[in-house]
């Protein structure tokens, strides 16, 4: 029997029904061998309702706060708003668009395992959904984060290529160097901001999938200059709202400078 551990402050910690659902969905990833179609997760009406609530709320926030290039990516890779899409279908579309694919995991995994999979065109994705009591934010990656935040951008060949570069860097990095790569991934592809015509806009998946955080990140979080060595040395917490974020001069600038920084691990 697969059992998912939740922290005592997790919104679903005291909800026995939610914890049982998490265990049920985690077993799908635990039993998946990596080949063939990903088994469907048997989502309930309540879980579909959480997806519907969050995606409906995010749509106007994306128009207001997301970078225009990100909005274009979302438009080219639409997701249903009425129900949680299954990973198998999204993965098939993603493979056709950029060569990336999804593989289910039961929950948060080690940074090296997550990053290294990217080098093999594989994005490790959860299938469970956040607790209904706090739909605007999740302290851990859930299916809304993975699909709304990551899938549409991963369908863009440039974003897919940068993810692969992170994967190759992680494969080559020493244990001492790996945290720097992890932090750069966090402050670019997860929580990156860019400037467009003088305005700060959201780019990272963690912002695109959080009703609670996207506006806060753009308007109220401390903004720092895009210095990759400073980013590599900056600690973060995955379970809290971000107190500071880094703003790249533009999307292409973020791609180019981050790729150049990762080249130091090419040898």
Protein backbone atom coordinates (compact mmCIF):
# COMPACT_ATOMS: atom_id res chain seq x y z
CA UNK A 1 0.00 0.00 0.00
CA UNK A 2 1.47 3.34 -1.07
CA UNK A 3 1.13 6.05 1.57
CA UNK A 4 1.72 9.76 0.93
CA UNK A 5 3.20 11.75 3.80
CA UNK A 6 1.80 15.27 4.29
CA UNK A 7 3.26 17.94 6.55
CA UNK A 8 1.13 18.85 9.59
CA UNK A 9 0.48 22.32 8.16
CA UNK A 10 -0.68 20.95 4.78
CA UNK A 11 -4.30 22.00 4.03
CA UNK A 12 -5.32 18.36 3.63
CA UNK A 13 -3.45 16.93 6.62
CA UNK A 14 -6.59 16.35 8.75
CA UNK A 15 -8.84 15.38 5.81
CA UNK A 16 -8.94 11.59 5.73
CA UNK A 17 -10.84 11.48 2.47
CA UNK A 18 -8.29 13.72 0.75
CA UNK A 19 -5.39 11.68 2.08
CA UNK A 20 -6.98 8.48 0.80
CA UNK A 21 -7.40 10.06 -2.64
CA UNK A 22 -3.75 11.13 -2.61
CA UNK A 23 -2.73 7.56 -1.83
CA UNK A 24 -4.94 6.17 -4.60
CA UNK A 25 -3.53 8.55 -7.22
CA UNK A 26 0.05 8.08 -6.02
CA UNK A 27 -0.24 4.34 -6.66
CA UNK A 28 -0.72 5.05 -10.37
CA UNK A 29 2.71 6.66 -10.56
CA UNK A 30 4.26 4.06 -8.29
CA UNK A 31 3.10 1.23 -10.56
CA UNK A 32 3.83 2.93 -13.91
CA UNK A 33 6.76 1.27 -15.66
CA UNK A 34 7.49 4.20 -17.96
CA UNK A 35 6.36 2.72 -21.25
CA UNK A 36 2.92 2.70 -22.78
CA UNK A 37 0.05 5.07 -22.05
CA UNK A 38 -0.10 6.68 -18.63
CA UNK A 39 -3.08 5.24 -16.71
CA UNK A 40 -5.90 7.70 -16.10
CA UNK A 41 -6.43 9.11 -12.63
CA UNK A 42 -10.04 8.55 -11.50
CA UNK A 43 -10.85 12.15 -10.61
CA UNK A 44 -14.00 12.86 -8.63
CA UNK A 45 -16.59 15.53 -9.33
CA UNK A 46 -15.15 17.56 -6.44
CA UNK A 47 -11.66 17.39 -7.93
CA UNK A 48 -12.93 18.48 -11.32
CA UNK A 49 -14.63 21.38 -9.53
CA UNK A 50 -11.31 22.51 -8.02
CA UNK A 51 -9.73 22.46 -11.49
CA UNK A 52 -12.66 24.44 -12.89
CA UNK A 53 -12.54 27.01 -10.09
CA UNK A 54 -8.81 27.62 -10.42
CA UNK A 55 -8.56 27.70 -14.22
CA UNK A 56 -11.54 30.06 -14.44
CA UNK A 57 -9.92 32.43 -11.95
CA UNK A 58 -6.50 32.23 -13.63
CA UNK A 59 -7.65 33.20 -17.13
CA UNK A 60 -8.10 36.95 -16.46
CA UNK A 61 -4.96 37.01 -14.30
CA UNK A 62 -2.93 35.59 -17.18
CA UNK A 63 -4.25 38.33 -19.46
CA UNK A 64 -3.32 40.99 -16.91
CA UNK A 65 -0.05 39.74 -15.46
CA UNK A 66 1.54 37.06 -17.70
CA UNK A 67 4.15 37.91 -20.32
CA UNK A 68 2.67 38.26 -23.79
CA UNK A 69 4.83 35.41 -25.09
CA UNK A 70 3.49 33.19 -22.33
CA UNK A 71 -0.06 34.15 -23.22
CA UNK A 72 0.71 33.11 -26.80
CA UNK A 73 2.05 29.76 -25.57
CA UNK A 74 -1.11 29.20 -23.53
CA UNK A 75 -3.19 30.01 -26.58
CA UNK A 76 -1.31 27.50 -28.73
CA UNK A 77 -1.70 24.72 -26.15
CA UNK A 78 -5.23 25.09 -24.73
CA UNK A 79 -6.38 22.96 -21.83
CA UNK A 80 -9.99 22.18 -20.91
CA UNK A 81 -11.50 24.37 -18.23
CA UNK A 82 -14.38 22.08 -17.25
CA UNK A 83 -12.43 19.03 -16.11
CA UNK A 84 -8.96 17.82 -15.18
CA UNK A 85 -7.25 16.54 -18.33
CA UNK A 86 -5.47 13.21 -18.11
CA UNK A 87 -1.68 13.13 -18.36
CA UNK A 88 -1.72 10.63 -21.22
CA UNK A 89 -3.55 12.97 -23.57
CA UNK A 90 -1.53 16.03 -22.61
CA UNK A 91 1.72 14.08 -22.94
CA UNK A 92 0.80 12.97 -26.45
CA UNK A 93 0.13 16.56 -27.52
CA UNK A 94 3.33 17.72 -25.85
CA UNK A 95 5.41 15.09 -27.64
CA UNK A 96 4.04 16.25 -30.99
CA UNK A 97 4.71 19.92 -30.20
CA UNK A 98 8.25 19.85 -28.79
CA UNK A 99 9.41 16.27 -28.23
CA UNK A 100 8.86 16.43 -24.46
CA UNK A 101 6.67 13.95 -22.61
CA UNK A 102 5.12 13.61 -19.17
CA UNK A 103 5.74 10.81 -16.71
CA UNK A 104 3.73 10.53 -13.47
CA UNK A 105 5.33 10.75 -10.04
CA UNK A 106 3.69 10.32 -6.67
CA UNK A 107 4.85 13.62 -5.21
CA UNK A 108 7.78 15.96 -4.71
CA UNK A 109 11.07 14.31 -5.68
CA UNK A 110 14.76 15.05 -5.34
CA UNK A 111 16.09 17.90 -7.47
CA UNK A 112 18.66 15.79 -9.32
CA UNK A 113 16.08 13.18 -10.31
CA UNK A 114 13.63 15.83 -11.53
CA UNK A 115 16.22 17.84 -13.44
CA UNK A 116 18.06 14.85 -14.89
CA UNK A 117 14.84 13.51 -16.41
CA UNK A 118 14.58 16.69 -18.49
CA UNK A 119 17.72 15.66 -20.36
CA UNK A 120 15.77 12.61 -21.57
CA UNK A 121 12.85 14.75 -22.81
CA UNK A 122 10.82 13.77 -19.74
CA UNK A 123 8.95 16.06 -17.35
CA UNK A 124 8.07 14.31 -14.11
CA UNK A 125 4.52 15.31 -13.27
CA UNK A 126 2.19 14.77 -10.34
CA UNK A 127 -1.45 13.79 -10.97
CA UNK A 128 -3.21 14.72 -7.72
CA UNK A 129 -4.95 18.04 -7.22
CA UNK A 130 -4.62 20.58 -4.42
CA UNK A 131 -6.95 20.60 -1.42
CA UNK A 132 -10.28 22.34 -2.03
CA UNK A 133 -9.95 24.48 1.10
CA UNK A 134 -7.07 26.44 -0.45
CA UNK A 135 -7.49 26.41 -4.22
CA UNK A 136 -5.54 29.63 -4.88
CA UNK A 137 -2.20 28.23 -3.70
CA UNK A 138 -0.53 24.87 -3.13
CA UNK A 139 2.59 24.22 -1.01
CA UNK A 140 3.62 21.42 -3.40
CA UNK A 141 3.34 20.82 -7.14
CA UNK A 142 -0.07 19.44 -8.15
CA UNK A 143 -1.68 18.70 -11.52
CA UNK A 144 -2.79 22.33 -11.92
CA UNK A 145 0.79 23.48 -11.45
CA UNK A 146 2.15 20.83 -13.81
CA UNK A 147 -0.32 21.33 -16.65
CA UNK A 148 -1.37 24.99 -16.44
CA UNK A 149 2.07 26.14 -15.34
CA UNK A 150 4.45 23.86 -17.24
CA UNK A 151 2.78 21.93 -20.08
CA UNK A 152 1.84 24.87 -22.30
CA UNK A 153 5.29 26.45 -22.02
CA UNK A 154 7.04 23.09 -22.50
CA UNK A 155 5.20 22.82 -25.82
CA UNK A 156 7.27 25.79 -27.01
CA UNK A 157 10.52 24.43 -28.53
CA UNK A 158 12.61 27.17 -26.91
CA UNK A 159 11.34 26.38 -23.42
CA UNK A 160 11.73 22.65 -24.07
CA UNK A 161 15.34 23.23 -25.18
CA UNK A 162 16.14 25.22 -22.05
CA UNK A 163 14.64 22.47 -19.87
CA UNK A 164 16.88 19.95 -21.62
CA UNK A 165 19.91 22.15 -20.95
CA UNK A 166 19.04 22.20 -17.26
CA UNK A 167 18.80 18.41 -17.38
CA UNK A 168 22.19 17.98 -19.01
CA UNK A 169 23.76 20.40 -16.52
CA UNK A 170 22.27 18.47 -13.60
CA UNK A 171 23.64 15.20 -14.95
CA UNK A 172 27.16 16.63 -15.03
CA UNK A 173 27.08 18.72 -11.85
CA UNK A 174 28.74 17.69 -8.62
CA UNK A 175 26.73 17.47 -5.41
CA UNK A 176 28.22 20.81 -4.41
CA UNK A 177 27.21 22.50 -7.66
CA UNK A 178 23.72 21.04 -8.00
CA UNK A 179 21.98 23.49 -5.60
CA UNK A 180 23.07 26.40 -7.81
CA UNK A 181 21.40 24.79 -10.85
CA UNK A 182 18.29 24.07 -8.80
CA UNK A 183 18.05 27.71 -7.68
CA UNK A 184 18.48 29.03 -11.22
CA UNK A 185 15.70 26.71 -12.41
CA UNK A 186 13.51 27.93 -9.56
CA UNK A 187 13.99 31.64 -10.24
CA UNK A 188 13.61 31.32 -14.04
CA UNK A 189 11.32 28.51 -15.22
CA UNK A 190 9.39 28.22 -11.94
CA UNK A 191 9.21 31.78 -10.61
CA UNK A 192 10.80 33.93 -13.28
CA UNK A 193 9.65 37.47 -14.07
CA UNK A 194 10.38 39.45 -17.23
CA UNK A 195 10.07 43.09 -18.19
CA UNK A 196 7.95 44.06 -21.20
CA UNK A 197 7.73 47.71 -22.31
CA UNK A 198 8.61 48.84 -18.81
CA UNK A 199 6.13 46.51 -17.05
CA UNK A 200 7.01 43.47 -14.98
CA UNK A 201 5.23 40.32 -16.17
CA UNK A 202 5.02 36.71 -14.94
CA UNK A 203 6.81 33.94 -16.80
CA UNK A 204 7.44 31.02 -14.41
CA UNK A 205 5.12 28.03 -13.96
CA UNK A 206 4.74 28.57 -10.23
CA UNK A 207 3.26 31.99 -10.91
CA UNK A 208 1.09 30.95 -13.86
CA UNK A 209 -0.61 28.27 -11.74
CA UNK A 210 -1.21 30.28 -8.56
CA UNK A 211 -4.14 32.68 -8.23
CA UNK A 212 -2.71 33.82 -4.90
CA UNK A 213 0.81 34.52 -6.09
CA UNK A 214 0.77 35.81 -9.68
CA UNK A 215 -0.51 39.32 -8.88
CA UNK A 216 1.52 39.50 -5.69
CA UNK A 217 4.70 38.56 -7.55
CA UNK A 218 4.21 41.21 -10.22
CA UNK A 219 3.02 44.07 -8.02
CA UNK A 220 4.16 43.48 -4.44
CA UNK A 221 7.19 41.16 -4.27
CA UNK A 222 10.71 42.59 -4.03
CA UNK A 223 12.17 42.68 -7.54
CA UNK A 224 15.89 42.10 -8.04
CA UNK A 225 18.10 42.51 -11.10
CA UNK A 226 18.63 39.42 -13.24
CA UNK A 227 22.10 38.34 -12.11
CA UNK A 228 22.51 34.59 -12.53
CA UNK A 229 25.39 34.26 -10.09
CA UNK A 230 23.28 36.06 -7.47
CA UNK A 231 20.32 33.84 -8.35
CA UNK A 232 22.49 30.73 -7.95
CA UNK A 233 23.37 31.84 -4.42
CA UNK A 234 19.84 32.78 -3.31
CA UNK A 235 17.98 30.36 -1.05
CA UNK A 236 14.24 29.82 -1.46
CA UNK A 237 11.39 27.94 0.21
CA UNK A 238 9.04 25.88 -1.99
CA UNK A 239 6.34 25.93 0.69
CA UNK A 240 5.95 29.71 1.11
CA UNK A 241 5.00 32.72 -0.97
CA UNK A 242 8.17 34.14 -2.48
CA UNK A 243 9.55 37.27 -0.77
CA UNK A 244 11.89 38.20 -3.65
CA UNK A 245 12.09 37.41 -7.35
CA UNK A 246 14.42 38.26 -10.22
CA UNK A 247 13.34 40.21 -13.30
CA UNK A 248 14.92 39.45 -16.68
CA UNK A 249 14.94 42.26 -19.27
CA UNK A 250 12.87 40.03 -21.58
CA UNK A 251 11.95 36.45 -22.44
CA UNK A 252 14.72 35.99 -25.01
CA UNK A 253 17.22 37.56 -22.65
CA UNK A 254 16.23 35.05 -19.97
CA UNK A 255 16.64 32.16 -22.42
CA UNK A 256 19.99 33.33 -23.77
CA UNK A 257 21.63 34.30 -20.50
CA UNK A 258 20.41 31.23 -18.65
CA UNK A 259 21.62 28.95 -21.46
CA UNK A 260 25.03 30.65 -21.41
CA UNK A 261 25.23 30.25 -17.62
CA UNK A 262 24.41 26.53 -17.91
CA UNK A 263 27.22 26.10 -20.44
CA UNK A 264 29.73 26.17 -17.58
CA UNK A 265 28.58 22.62 -16.77
CA UNK A 266 29.07 21.41 -20.33
CA UNK A 267 32.56 20.05 -19.82
